[in-house]
C-alpha cells in the first residue's frame, strides 16, 4: 500500500526534477550535437526544449507505471492450478490432483503447507458454479460473503461494493472542482471515469466463463467467455486472467491517466498569463474598433452616394456626377439638397407602410395588389376592368388600416403607385428609392 502511494506521489515531484536534470545533460552536449550554443533561459527555443523534455519524461514514467500495474497483479486460482479460466469441473479436479501429488506437505515439508492450503481453498471455491461466478467478477473477497447464496445476491452485493470506488473518485473530482484546481483536463477525468464504469459493468454482467455458456454478450474489448479464441484486447495480453483482475487494472489505469493528464496538459497547452490575456483582449478590441470604423465609413459612403444619385430634373435639383469618387468634392461638402432628403424620407415611409400592408395577408394584401395592378395598367394606357369588387376591397382595406391606427392615406398611397417611375406632373413622387436610382442612372 505504501509503495503504491509513493508511486502516485511521484507524479507531483519526479517529472519536474527529472526534466531539469535531463535538460541540463542535453544542453551540455548541445554544441557537439547541433554545432551551436544551447538556447538561453526565457527564450522561445528554451521553452520549447523544456516542453519536449518534460513530455518525454512524463510519457516514460507513464509507460513504467502502466507496465508495473499490469505485471504486479496477484495470480488467480486458475493460475495456481495451472488451468484456463474456461476449464470445466473435471479439468479442475485433475489439475488439483496433480498439484497435490507434487506439493503436498507430506512430500515437500511444512514450508509448502501454506501454498497447499491456498490452492485447496481455490479448488473448493471453483467447484461451486455460484461461488465461481462471484469469484471471477469480485475476487477472493466474494468467497467470504456468507450472507449471499444465489447469483442475484452476489451481483447485488458486488455492485454495492464496486460503487465505493466511483463514489470516492467522484467526490475527489468535485472537491478539486470546488477548490479551483480543475484545469483544462477536468472534463476528460469525468469522461474517463464514466468509460471505466461502463467497462466494469460489462465485466460484471458478462456471462459465466463456462464452456456451456451460450450468451452473446461479446464485443471488441470483451470476448465471449465460452469461446476458445481470445480476440479481445484484455485476453490478447492476459489470456489467463479473469474479470476482477481486469477491473483492478482499470482502476489503476484511471488513477494513472488522471495524474498523467494533470501533468501533460498544462505543458502541451500552457495557459497564458494575466498580462498576456490583457494584451490579447486589447488587441482584439482594437481590431473590432478598426473594423467598426471601416464599416461605418463604407455605410456612410453608400448613403451619401444614394443621396446624390437622386439629384437631377426629376427632383428639381442640380444634377451631379454619379461617378464621383470623393464625396468631399461635391458642392456643400457632400451635403445633399433638402428636396432630396425630404423626398427620400417620404419614400421610405411609403416603403415601410407598403411592406406592412403586404405582410398582413388576407383581403388587405389582395386589395393592395389589385390597386397596384390597376395603376400599372392605367399608366400603360390599358383601360382597367370592372372595379366593383376592387372598390369594395379598397374600402375594406381603408377600414382595416384605420382599425390598426395607421394613416388612412397609406392605402391611397399604395393604390396610387407601386411602380418605380413617378407620374409626370405630380408634386409628390411615390415609389421605391431603388427604383428611382435605376431610372436616374
Protein backbone atom coordinates (compact mmCIF):
# COMPACT_ATOMS: atom_id res chain seq x y z
CA UNK A 1 0.00 0.00 0.00
CA UNK A 2 2.78 2.41 0.95
CA UNK A 3 4.67 1.58 -2.24
CA UNK A 4 1.57 2.34 -4.31
CA UNK A 5 1.11 5.72 -2.63
CA UNK A 6 4.76 6.56 -3.29
CA UNK A 7 4.26 5.77 -6.98
CA UNK A 8 1.35 8.16 -7.25
CA UNK A 9 3.08 10.83 -5.16
CA UNK A 10 5.99 10.64 -7.57
CA UNK A 11 3.81 12.30 -10.21
CA UNK A 12 4.00 15.55 -8.25
CA UNK A 13 7.79 15.83 -7.91
CA UNK A 14 9.52 13.32 -10.16
CA UNK A 15 8.63 14.77 -13.62
CA UNK A 16 9.88 18.28 -12.77
CA UNK A 17 13.05 17.00 -11.13
CA UNK A 18 13.83 14.57 -13.94
CA UNK A 19 13.15 17.25 -16.56
CA UNK A 20 15.67 19.66 -15.01
CA UNK A 21 18.35 17.00 -14.76
CA UNK A 22 17.79 15.64 -18.25
CA UNK A 23 17.63 19.10 -19.82
CA UNK A 24 20.93 20.11 -18.22
CA UNK A 25 22.55 16.99 -19.69
CA UNK A 26 21.10 17.69 -23.14
CA UNK A 27 22.27 21.32 -23.10
CA UNK A 28 25.75 20.24 -22.01
CA UNK A 29 26.16 18.17 -25.19
CA UNK A 30 24.07 20.54 -27.33
CA UNK A 31 27.05 22.24 -29.08
CA UNK A 32 28.53 18.89 -30.12
CA UNK A 33 25.20 17.64 -31.45
CA UNK A 34 23.97 20.74 -33.29
CA UNK A 35 27.10 22.87 -33.65
CA UNK A 36 25.56 25.89 -31.90
CA UNK A 37 25.22 27.05 -28.29
CA UNK A 38 22.11 25.94 -26.38
CA UNK A 39 19.19 28.40 -26.15
CA UNK A 40 19.21 30.81 -23.25
CA UNK A 41 16.60 30.53 -20.48
CA UNK A 42 13.48 32.57 -21.14
CA UNK A 43 13.70 32.37 -24.92
CA UNK A 44 11.02 30.58 -27.00
CA UNK A 45 13.56 27.93 -28.06
CA UNK A 46 14.38 27.18 -24.42
CA UNK A 47 10.69 26.87 -23.51
CA UNK A 48 10.25 24.51 -26.45
CA UNK A 49 13.09 22.29 -25.20
CA UNK A 50 11.55 22.27 -21.72
CA UNK A 51 8.17 21.15 -23.04
CA UNK A 52 9.66 18.40 -25.21
CA UNK A 53 11.84 17.08 -22.39
CA UNK A 54 9.02 17.22 -19.86
CA UNK A 55 6.69 15.39 -22.24
CA UNK A 56 9.28 12.65 -22.81
CA UNK A 57 9.78 12.21 -19.05
CA UNK A 58 6.04 12.01 -18.35
CA UNK A 59 5.42 9.52 -21.15
CA UNK A 60 8.32 7.36 -19.98
CA UNK A 61 7.11 7.41 -16.38
CA UNK A 62 3.56 6.66 -17.53
CA UNK A 63 4.74 3.62 -19.50
CA UNK A 64 6.69 2.40 -16.49
CA UNK A 65 3.75 2.72 -14.11
CA UNK A 66 1.48 1.15 -16.71
CA UNK A 67 3.80 -1.85 -17.03
CA UNK A 68 4.15 -2.10 -13.26
CA UNK A 69 0.38 -2.05 -12.74
CA UNK A 70 -0.11 -4.70 -15.41
CA UNK A 71 2.55 -7.11 -14.15
CA UNK A 72 2.13 -6.88 -10.37
CA UNK A 73 -1.40 -8.31 -10.29
CA UNK A 74 -1.65 -11.26 -7.91
CA UNK A 75 -2.27 -14.64 -9.59
CA UNK A 76 -5.79 -16.02 -9.59
CA UNK A 77 -6.90 -19.51 -8.58
CA UNK A 78 -6.84 -20.76 -12.16
CA UNK A 79 -3.19 -19.79 -12.49
CA UNK A 80 -2.38 -21.55 -9.22
CA UNK A 81 -3.95 -24.74 -10.53
CA UNK A 82 -2.39 -24.28 -13.96
CA UNK A 83 -5.66 -24.35 -15.94
CA UNK A 84 -7.55 -21.98 -18.21
CA UNK A 85 -10.42 -19.83 -16.86
CA UNK A 86 -12.78 -21.80 -19.12
CA UNK A 87 -11.85 -25.16 -17.58
CA UNK A 88 -14.71 -27.44 -16.55
CA UNK A 89 -15.06 -29.32 -13.26
CA UNK A 90 -13.23 -32.46 -14.44
CA UNK A 91 -10.26 -30.41 -15.61
CA UNK A 92 -10.13 -28.63 -12.25
CA UNK A 93 -10.22 -31.97 -10.40
CA UNK A 94 -7.37 -33.41 -12.45
CA UNK A 95 -5.29 -30.25 -12.01
CA UNK A 96 -5.76 -30.32 -8.23
CA UNK A 97 -4.77 -33.99 -8.01
CA UNK A 98 -1.58 -33.35 -9.96
CA UNK A 99 -0.78 -30.38 -7.74
CA UNK A 100 -1.42 -32.41 -4.57
CA UNK A 101 0.95 -35.17 -5.70
CA UNK A 102 3.80 -32.69 -6.16
CA UNK A 103 3.19 -30.13 -3.41
CA UNK A 104 1.53 -32.00 -0.55
CA UNK A 105 3.02 -31.06 2.85
CA UNK A 106 3.89 -34.71 3.49
CA UNK A 107 6.08 -34.62 0.38
CA UNK A 108 7.62 -31.10 0.43
CA UNK A 109 7.59 -30.44 4.16
CA UNK A 110 5.98 -27.78 6.37
CA UNK A 111 7.23 -24.93 4.16
CA UNK A 112 4.71 -25.92 1.46
CA UNK A 113 1.72 -26.12 3.77
CA UNK A 114 0.57 -22.52 3.25
CA UNK A 115 0.63 -22.81 -0.54
CA UNK A 116 -1.17 -26.16 -0.46
CA UNK A 117 -3.95 -24.82 1.77
CA UNK A 118 -4.39 -21.82 -0.50
CA UNK A 119 -4.69 -23.98 -3.63
CA UNK A 120 -7.05 -26.37 -1.86
CA UNK A 121 -9.32 -23.48 -0.91
CA UNK A 122 -9.20 -22.30 -4.50
CA UNK A 123 -10.28 -25.70 -5.77
CA UNK A 124 -13.15 -25.92 -3.26
CA UNK A 125 -14.38 -22.48 -4.30
CA UNK A 126 -14.21 -23.17 -8.02
CA UNK A 127 -16.20 -26.41 -7.70
CA UNK A 128 -19.35 -24.41 -6.89
CA UNK A 129 -20.76 -22.65 -10.01
CA UNK A 130 -22.24 -19.83 -7.93
CA UNK A 131 -19.04 -19.14 -5.99
CA UNK A 132 -17.02 -19.46 -9.18
CA UNK A 133 -19.23 -16.84 -10.83
CA UNK A 134 -18.76 -14.47 -7.87
CA UNK A 135 -15.01 -15.12 -7.64
CA UNK A 136 -14.42 -14.38 -11.32
CA UNK A 137 -16.06 -10.95 -11.00
CA UNK A 138 -15.37 -9.76 -7.46
CA UNK A 139 -12.19 -11.60 -6.46
CA UNK A 140 -11.32 -13.64 -3.35
CA UNK A 141 -13.33 -11.28 -1.13
CA UNK A 142 -16.54 -12.66 -2.63
CA UNK A 143 -15.84 -16.07 -1.08
CA UNK A 144 -16.27 -14.51 2.36
CA UNK A 145 -19.76 -13.13 1.70
CA UNK A 146 -21.58 -15.65 3.84
CA UNK A 147 -24.86 -13.73 3.58
CA UNK A 148 -25.01 -14.43 -0.19
CA UNK A 149 -26.13 -17.75 -1.62
CA UNK A 150 -27.58 -17.02 -5.09
CA UNK A 151 -26.30 -15.27 -8.18
CA UNK A 152 -28.69 -12.36 -7.66
CA UNK A 153 -27.45 -11.79 -4.11
CA UNK A 154 -23.81 -11.98 -5.17
CA UNK A 155 -24.35 -9.49 -8.01
CA UNK A 156 -26.29 -7.08 -5.82
CA UNK A 157 -23.72 -7.16 -3.05
CA UNK A 158 -20.84 -6.97 -5.53
CA UNK A 159 -22.28 -3.91 -7.26
CA UNK A 160 -22.66 -2.19 -3.89
CA UNK A 161 -19.02 -2.93 -3.13
CA UNK A 162 -17.88 -1.76 -6.58
CA UNK A 163 -19.75 1.54 -6.26
CA UNK A 164 -17.42 2.63 -3.46
CA UNK A 165 -14.59 3.32 -5.91
CA UNK A 166 -16.75 5.56 -8.09
CA UNK A 167 -18.32 7.41 -5.17
CA UNK A 168 -14.88 8.17 -3.76
CA UNK A 169 -13.48 9.19 -7.16
CA UNK A 170 -16.46 11.45 -7.89
CA UNK A 171 -16.15 13.16 -4.50
CA UNK A 172 -12.45 13.81 -5.10
CA UNK A 173 -13.15 15.27 -8.55
CA UNK A 174 -15.88 17.51 -7.13
CA UNK A 175 -13.55 18.72 -4.39
CA UNK A 176 -10.92 19.56 -6.99
CA UNK A 177 -13.51 21.46 -8.99
CA UNK A 178 -14.70 23.36 -5.91
CA UNK A 179 -11.14 24.30 -4.96
CA UNK A 180 -10.49 25.78 -8.41
CA UNK A 181 -7.78 23.23 -9.30
CA UNK A 182 -9.66 21.75 -12.23
CA UNK A 183 -7.58 22.95 -15.17
CA UNK A 184 -8.27 22.06 -18.79
CA UNK A 185 -8.45 18.29 -18.10
CA UNK A 186 -11.30 18.21 -15.57
CA UNK A 187 -13.82 17.33 -18.25
CA UNK A 188 -11.71 14.42 -19.51
CA UNK A 189 -11.38 12.99 -15.99
CA UNK A 190 -15.15 12.67 -15.75
CA UNK A 191 -15.31 11.11 -19.21
CA UNK A 192 -12.58 8.62 -18.30
CA UNK A 193 -14.35 7.68 -15.07
CA UNK A 194 -17.62 7.14 -16.93
CA UNK A 195 -15.94 4.91 -19.53
CA UNK A 196 -14.27 2.78 -16.87
CA UNK A 197 -17.59 2.37 -15.06
CA UNK A 198 -19.20 1.13 -18.29
CA UNK A 199 -16.41 -1.39 -18.87
CA UNK A 200 -16.64 -2.63 -15.29
CA UNK A 201 -20.37 -3.21 -15.69
CA UNK A 202 -19.66 -5.19 -18.83
CA UNK A 203 -17.17 -7.33 -16.96
CA UNK A 204 -19.52 -7.93 -14.02
CA UNK A 205 -22.61 -8.69 -16.10
CA UNK A 206 -20.77 -10.82 -18.64
CA UNK A 207 -21.86 -14.49 -18.63
CA UNK A 208 -20.06 -17.09 -16.59
CA UNK A 209 -16.82 -18.37 -18.20
CA UNK A 210 -18.03 -21.92 -18.58
CA UNK A 211 -17.91 -24.00 -21.76
CA UNK A 212 -21.69 -24.37 -21.76
CA UNK A 213 -22.37 -20.64 -21.95
CA UNK A 214 -24.44 -19.64 -24.96
CA UNK A 215 -24.63 -15.91 -24.24
CA UNK A 216 -23.99 -13.38 -26.99
CA UNK A 217 -22.69 -10.62 -24.70
CA UNK A 218 -19.43 -10.06 -26.52
CA UNK A 219 -17.77 -7.04 -28.05
CA UNK A 220 -14.50 -5.84 -29.43
CA UNK A 221 -12.99 -5.44 -25.97
CA UNK A 222 -14.70 -8.37 -24.28
CA UNK A 223 -14.66 -11.78 -25.95
CA UNK A 224 -17.28 -14.41 -25.28
CA UNK A 225 -16.01 -16.48 -22.33
CA UNK A 226 -17.33 -19.64 -23.97
CA UNK A 227 -15.13 -19.08 -27.00
CA UNK A 228 -11.69 -20.68 -27.13
CA UNK A 229 -10.43 -17.95 -29.47
CA UNK A 230 -9.29 -15.00 -27.36
CA UNK A 231 -9.67 -11.97 -29.58
CA UNK A 232 -10.44 -9.15 -27.15
CA UNK A 233 -7.94 -6.54 -26.01
CA UNK A 234 -7.55 -7.86 -22.48
CA UNK A 235 -7.47 -11.55 -23.34
CA UNK A 236 -4.93 -10.79 -26.05
CA UNK A 237 -2.38 -9.63 -23.45
CA UNK A 238 -3.58 -11.61 -20.40
CA UNK A 239 -5.47 -14.69 -21.61
CA UNK A 240 -5.42 -16.43 -18.19
CA UNK A 241 -6.80 -13.56 -16.14
CA UNK A 242 -10.40 -13.18 -15.03
CA UNK A 243 -12.76 -10.21 -14.75
CA UNK A 244 -11.85 -8.95 -11.27
CA UNK A 245 -8.17 -8.65 -12.29
CA UNK A 246 -9.09 -6.58 -15.33
CA UNK A 247 -11.32 -4.37 -13.15
CA UNK A 248 -8.50 -3.69 -10.70
CA UNK A 249 -6.23 -2.85 -13.59
CA UNK A 250 -8.83 -0.39 -14.93
CA UNK A 251 -8.98 1.32 -11.53
CA UNK A 252 -5.21 1.72 -11.53
CA UNK A 253 -5.36 2.93 -15.12
CA UNK A 254 -7.84 5.66 -14.19
CA UNK A 255 -5.60 6.96 -11.41
CA UNK A 256 -2.51 6.87 -13.64
CA UNK A 257 -4.22 8.64 -16.53
CA UNK A 258 -5.61 11.30 -14.19
CA UNK A 259 -2.13 12.11 -12.91
CA UNK A 260 -0.70 12.00 -16.43
CA UNK A 261 -3.35 14.35 -17.81
CA UNK A 262 -2.80 16.78 -14.96
CA UNK A 263 0.92 16.92 -15.75
CA UNK A 264 0.93 16.75 -19.55
CA UNK A 265 -1.95 19.08 -20.47
CA UNK A 266 -0.52 22.27 -18.84
CA UNK A 267 2.77 21.71 -20.67
CA UNK A 268 1.30 20.92 -24.08
CA UNK A 269 -1.38 23.60 -23.80
CA UNK A 270 0.01 26.29 -21.48
CA UNK A 271 -2.41 28.88 -20.16
CA UNK A 272 -1.44 32.50 -20.95
CA UNK A 273 -0.51 34.78 -18.07
CA UNK A 274 -2.77 37.59 -16.91
CA UNK A 275 -0.62 40.20 -18.67
CA UNK A 276 -0.73 38.19 -21.88
CA UNK A 277 -4.52 37.84 -21.63
CA UNK A 278 -4.87 41.60 -21.20
CA UNK A 279 -2.71 42.21 -24.27
CA UNK A 280 -4.75 39.73 -26.30
CA UNK A 281 -8.03 41.34 -25.24
CA UNK A 282 -6.68 44.82 -26.03
CA UNK A 283 -5.51 43.69 -29.45
CA UNK A 284 -8.87 42.10 -30.23
CA UNK A 285 -10.71 45.23 -29.08
CA UNK A 286 -8.56 47.38 -31.35
CA UNK A 287 -9.27 45.09 -34.29
CA UNK A 288 -13.01 45.27 -33.60
CA UNK A 289 -12.85 49.06 -33.37
CA UNK A 290 -10.95 49.28 -36.64
CA UNK A 291 -13.46 47.04 -38.41
CA UNK A 292 -16.33 49.05 -36.94
CA UNK A 293 -14.85 52.28 -38.26
CA UNK A 294 -14.39 50.75 -41.71
CA UNK A 295 -17.98 49.52 -41.77
CA UNK A 296 -19.24 52.92 -40.63
CA UNK A 297 -17.23 54.70 -43.34
CA UNK A 298 -18.49 52.33 -46.05
CA UNK A 299 -22.10 52.68 -44.90
CA UNK A 300 -21.80 56.47 -44.83
CA UNK A 301 -20.32 56.47 -48.34
CA UNK A 302 -23.18 54.34 -49.63
CA UNK A 303 -25.79 56.60 -48.05
CA UNK A 304 -24.16 59.72 -49.46
CA UNK A 305 -23.93 58.08 -52.88
CA UNK A 306 -27.64 57.26 -52.73
CA UNK A 307 -28.47 60.83 -51.74
CA UNK A 308 -26.58 62.41 -54.61
CA UNK A 309 -27.69 59.88 -57.20
CA UNK A 310 -31.20 61.30 -56.76
CA UNK A 311 -30.14 64.80 -57.91
CA UNK A 312 -31.48 65.86 -61.28
CA UNK A 313 -34.53 67.20 -63.13
CA UNK A 314 -36.96 64.76 -61.50
CA UNK A 315 -36.26 66.17 -58.05
CA UNK A 316 -35.83 69.78 -59.14
CA UNK A 317 -32.18 69.90 -58.01
CA UNK A 318 -28.92 70.48 -59.89
CA UNK A 319 -27.61 67.28 -61.46
CA UNK A 320 -24.41 65.84 -60.01
CA UNK A 321 -21.79 63.48 -61.37
CA UNK A 322 -22.90 59.95 -60.48
CA UNK A 323 -19.35 58.59 -60.65
CA UNK A 324 -17.85 60.96 -58.08
CA UNK A 325 -15.08 59.13 -56.24
CA UNK A 326 -14.76 61.59 -53.39
CA UNK A 327 -17.91 62.87 -51.72
CA UNK A 328 -15.96 65.72 -50.16
CA UNK A 329 -15.50 67.28 -53.62
CA UNK A 330 -19.27 67.71 -54.11
CA UNK A 331 -20.93 71.07 -53.58
CA UNK A 332 -21.75 71.98 -49.98
CA UNK A 333 -19.16 69.50 -48.75
CA UNK A 334 -21.14 66.46 -49.94
CA UNK A 335 -24.39 67.51 -48.27
CA UNK A 336 -27.43 66.60 -50.45
CA UNK A 337 -30.18 69.05 -51.29
CA UNK A 338 -33.05 69.44 -48.84
CA UNK A 339 -35.55 68.44 -51.53
CA UNK A 340 -33.79 65.10 -51.99
CA UNK A 341 -33.70 64.38 -48.26
CA UNK A 342 -37.41 65.19 -47.91
CA UNK A 343 -38.31 63.04 -50.91
CA UNK A 344 -36.27 60.07 -49.68
CA UNK A 345 -37.77 60.30 -46.19
CA UNK A 346 -41.28 60.28 -47.63
CA UNK A 347 -40.48 57.35 -49.90
CA UNK A 348 -39.01 55.37 -47.00
CA UNK A 349 -42.21 55.92 -45.05
CA UNK A 350 -44.24 54.67 -48.01
CA UNK A 351 -41.93 51.66 -48.31
CA UNK A 352 -42.48 50.71 -44.67
CA UNK A 353 -46.25 51.12 -44.95
CA UNK A 354 -46.48 49.11 -48.16
CA UNK A 355 -44.34 46.32 -46.69
CA UNK A 356 -46.57 46.15 -43.61
CA UNK A 357 -49.73 46.15 -45.72
CA UNK A 358 -48.46 43.32 -47.91
CA UNK A 359 -47.22 41.30 -44.93
CA UNK A 360 -50.61 41.29 -43.16
CA UNK A 361 -52.12 38.94 -45.77
CA UNK A 362 -55.80 38.26 -46.28
CA UNK A 363 -58.12 40.75 -48.04
CA UNK A 364 -55.78 43.64 -47.23
CA UNK A 365 -52.94 42.16 -49.27
CA UNK A 366 -55.31 41.36 -52.15
CA UNK A 367 -56.60 44.93 -52.15
CA UNK A 368 -53.07 46.34 -52.28
CA UNK A 369 -52.07 44.02 -55.13
CA UNK A 370 -55.20 44.90 -57.11
CA UNK A 371 -54.64 48.62 -56.60
CA UNK A 372 -51.05 48.35 -57.78
CA UNK A 373 -52.04 46.30 -60.83
CA UNK A 374 -54.74 48.80 -61.76
CA UNK A 375 -52.28 51.69 -61.54
CA UNK A 376 -49.81 49.88 -63.75
CA UNK A 377 -52.46 49.25 -66.38
CA UNK A 378 -53.55 52.87 -66.22
CA UNK A 379 -50.03 54.08 -66.87
CA UNK A 380 -49.64 51.61 -69.69
CA UNK A 381 -52.78 53.07 -71.38
CA UNK A 382 -54.88 49.95 -70.76
CA UNK A 383 -58.46 50.50 -69.69
CA UNK A 384 -58.93 48.95 -66.27
CA UNK A 385 -61.52 46.24 -65.88
CA UNK A 386 -64.59 46.29 -63.70
CA UNK A 387 -63.82 47.90 -60.39
CA UNK A 388 -66.84 46.90 -58.37
CA UNK A 389 -65.20 44.22 -56.29
CA UNK A 390 -61.86 46.05 -56.27
CA UNK A 391 -63.52 49.17 -54.89
CA UNK A 392 -65.15 47.11 -52.16
CA UNK A 393 -61.79 45.56 -51.31
CA UNK A 394 -60.18 49.01 -51.13
CA UNK A 395 -62.96 50.17 -48.83
CA UNK A 396 -62.40 47.18 -46.57
CA UNK A 397 -58.66 47.91 -46.69
CA UNK A 398 -59.23 51.50 -45.55
CA UNK A 399 -61.32 50.31 -42.65
CA UNK A 400 -58.66 47.75 -41.72
CA UNK A 401 -55.90 50.36 -41.79
CA UNK A 402 -57.91 52.78 -39.67
CA UNK A 403 -58.62 50.00 -37.21
CA UNK A 404 -54.86 49.40 -36.77
CA UNK A 405 -54.19 53.07 -36.15
CA UNK A 406 -52.35 53.71 -39.42
CA UNK A 407 -52.79 56.72 -41.66
CA UNK A 408 -55.76 56.36 -43.96
CA UNK A 409 -53.69 57.85 -46.75
CA UNK A 410 -51.41 54.81 -46.69
CA UNK A 411 -53.93 52.75 -48.64
CA UNK A 412 -54.41 55.56 -51.09
CA UNK A 413 -50.66 55.83 -51.44
CA UNK A 414 -50.40 52.09 -52.06
CA UNK A 415 -53.25 52.26 -54.56
CA UNK A 416 -51.78 55.29 -56.17
CA UNK A 417 -48.39 53.86 -57.08
CA UNK A 418 -46.29 50.75 -56.81
CA UNK A 419 -44.08 51.41 -59.80
CA UNK A 420 -40.57 52.76 -59.78
CA UNK A 421 -41.31 55.74 -62.06
CA UNK A 422 -43.29 58.78 -60.80
CA UNK A 423 -46.25 60.21 -62.69
CA UNK A 424 -45.27 63.25 -64.66
CA UNK A 425 -46.79 66.42 -63.30
CA UNK A 426 -47.45 65.10 -59.79
CA UNK A 427 -45.99 67.10 -56.93
CA UNK A 428 -45.17 64.04 -54.85
CA UNK A 429 -43.25 61.24 -56.39
CA UNK A 430 -44.29 57.88 -54.92
CA UNK A 431 -42.32 54.69 -55.47
CA UNK A 432 -39.27 52.83 -54.18
CA UNK A 433 -35.95 54.59 -53.81
CA UNK A 434 -34.10 51.76 -55.50
CA UNK A 435 -36.43 52.10 -58.50
CA UNK A 436 -35.69 55.78 -58.77
CA UNK A 437 -31.97 55.11 -58.54
CA UNK A 438 -32.22 52.79 -61.53
CA UNK A 439 -34.24 55.31 -63.53
CA UNK A 440 -31.88 58.17 -62.75
CA UNK A 441 -28.80 56.12 -63.57
